Amino acid sequence: MKLILAVVQDKDSNRLIDALGEENFKTTKLSTTGGFLKEGNTTLMIGCEDDYVDEALDIIRDNCSQREQMVAPISPMGGNADSYIPRPIEVEVGGATVFVLPVESFFQF
């Protein structure tokens, strides 16, 4: 048995949860915050048998798209903020960060 932890952007979470549910994958949704853009994201916990890991990963891959987003940089700490002119930069967001962990035992009470 494996535990899949998938960190996805909030915009992709509902579509992904629906797609996983259609294939009978049970998920637990955790609201989390990313460190880079300081925006909300969703971490899904998906438990599945070893034989179904590739199927789950395909569903995640198909439902979590990467896209470009404009963000304003944060002013430098300790520098002169008066002369700092923030210019939005384009960064790639979305997709999924996925961890697949072995599960030694599983209990449901």
Protein backbone atom coordinates (compact mmCIF):
# COMPACT_ATOMS: atom_id res chain seq x y z
CA MET A 1 0.00 0.00 0.00
CA LYS A 2 1.13 3.55 -0.74
CA LEU A 3 0.22 7.02 0.48
CA ILE A 4 0.30 9.66 -2.25
CA LEU A 5 0.70 13.26 -1.09
CA ALA A 6 -0.12 15.65 -3.93
CA VAL A 7 0.37 19.39 -3.46
CA VAL A 8 -1.67 21.23 -6.11
CA GLN A 9 -2.81 24.77 -6.75
CA ASP A 10 -6.27 25.59 -5.39
CA LYS A 11 -7.51 26.25 -8.93
CA ASP A 12 -6.86 22.61 -9.84
CA SER A 13 -8.04 20.92 -6.64
CA ASN A 14 -11.78 20.52 -7.28
CA ARG A 15 -11.26 19.17 -10.80
CA LEU A 16 -8.64 16.74 -9.51
CA ILE A 17 -10.77 15.54 -6.58
CA ASP A 18 -13.69 14.92 -8.94
CA ALA A 19 -11.50 12.98 -11.39
CA LEU A 20 -10.01 10.86 -8.61
CA GLY A 21 -13.49 10.17 -7.22
CA GLU A 22 -14.73 8.99 -10.62
CA GLU A 23 -12.01 6.32 -10.53
CA ASN A 24 -12.87 5.36 -6.91
CA PHE A 25 -9.80 6.90 -5.28
CA LYS A 26 -10.64 8.18 -1.81
CA THR A 27 -8.94 11.46 -0.92
CA THR A 28 -8.48 13.66 2.12
CA LYS A 29 -8.13 17.36 1.35
CA LEU A 30 -5.89 19.62 3.45
CA SER A 31 -5.74 23.38 2.93
CA THR A 32 -2.11 24.48 2.89
CA THR A 33 -0.04 27.55 1.98
CA GLY A 34 2.89 27.58 -0.40
CA GLY A 35 6.21 29.10 0.59
CA PHE A 36 7.22 30.69 -2.71
CA LEU A 37 4.18 32.76 -3.71
CA LYS A 38 2.56 32.66 -0.24
CA GLU A 39 -0.70 31.58 -1.89
CA GLY A 40 -3.13 28.92 -0.83
CA ASN A 41 -2.79 25.46 -2.25
CA THR A 42 -4.28 22.07 -1.52
CA THR A 43 -2.55 18.94 -0.30
CA LEU A 44 -4.38 15.72 -1.10
CA MET A 45 -3.74 12.50 0.79
CA ILE A 46 -4.58 9.48 -1.36
CA GLY A 47 -4.21 5.95 -0.08
CA CYS A 48 -4.06 3.19 -2.69
CA GLU A 49 -2.73 -0.26 -3.40
CA ASP A 50 0.64 -0.47 -5.16
CA ASP A 51 -0.99 -1.61 -8.43
CA TYR A 52 -2.99 1.63 -8.71
CA VAL A 53 -0.25 4.19 -8.07
CA ASP A 54 0.46 4.76 -11.77
CA GLU A 55 -3.24 5.26 -12.48
CA ALA A 56 -3.49 7.85 -9.69
CA LEU A 57 -0.39 9.65 -10.96
CA ASP A 58 -1.86 9.78 -14.49
CA ILE A 59 -5.05 11.37 -13.13
CA ILE A 60 -3.01 13.94 -11.20
CA ARG A 61 -0.89 14.70 -14.27
CA ASP A 62 -3.98 15.11 -16.49
CA ASN A 63 -5.79 17.47 -14.12
CA CYS A 64 -3.06 19.78 -12.80
CA SER A 65 -1.92 22.13 -15.53
CA GLN A 66 1.06 24.45 -15.39
CA ARG A 67 0.49 28.07 -16.43
CA GLU A 68 2.23 31.43 -16.38
CA GLN A 69 1.25 34.01 -13.76
CA MET A 70 2.41 37.59 -13.21
CA VAL A 71 3.57 38.36 -9.67
CA ALA A 72 4.99 41.50 -8.08
CA PRO A 73 8.30 40.93 -6.31
CA ILE A 74 8.55 41.71 -2.61
CA SER A 75 10.60 44.81 -1.70
CA PRO A 76 14.14 44.04 -0.48
CA MET A 77 14.58 43.84 3.28
CA GLY A 78 17.00 46.34 4.75
CA GLY A 79 17.37 48.23 1.47
CA ASN A 80 16.06 51.60 0.48
CA ALA A 81 12.42 50.90 -0.37
CA ASP A 82 12.00 54.42 -1.85
CA SER A 83 14.21 53.61 -4.82
CA TYR A 84 12.80 50.10 -5.29
CA ILE A 85 10.50 49.90 -8.30
CA PRO A 86 8.62 46.60 -8.26
CA ARG A 87 8.17 45.18 -11.71
CA PRO A 88 5.90 42.22 -12.10
CA ILE A 89 7.63 39.09 -13.28
CA GLU A 90 6.16 36.06 -14.96
CA VAL A 91 6.53 32.75 -13.10
CA GLU A 92 5.32 29.25 -13.83
CA VAL A 93 2.66 28.04 -11.39
CA GLY A 94 0.39 25.04 -11.17
CA GLY A 95 1.20 21.46 -11.84
CA ALA A 96 1.63 19.17 -8.89
CA THR A 97 4.32 18.17 -6.44
CA VAL A 98 3.77 14.52 -5.57
CA PHE A 99 5.29 12.27 -2.93
CA VAL A 100 4.64 8.52 -2.90
CA LEU A 101 5.29 6.95 0.50
CA PRO A 102 5.16 3.32 1.61
CA VAL A 103 2.50 2.47 4.17
CA GLU A 104 3.45 -0.18 6.69
CA SER A 105 -0.07 -0.59 8.04
CA PHE A 106 -3.49 1.00 7.68
CA PHE A 107 -6.36 1.07 10.18
CA GLN A 108 -9.87 2.41 9.81
CA PHE A 109 -12.01 2.60 12.96
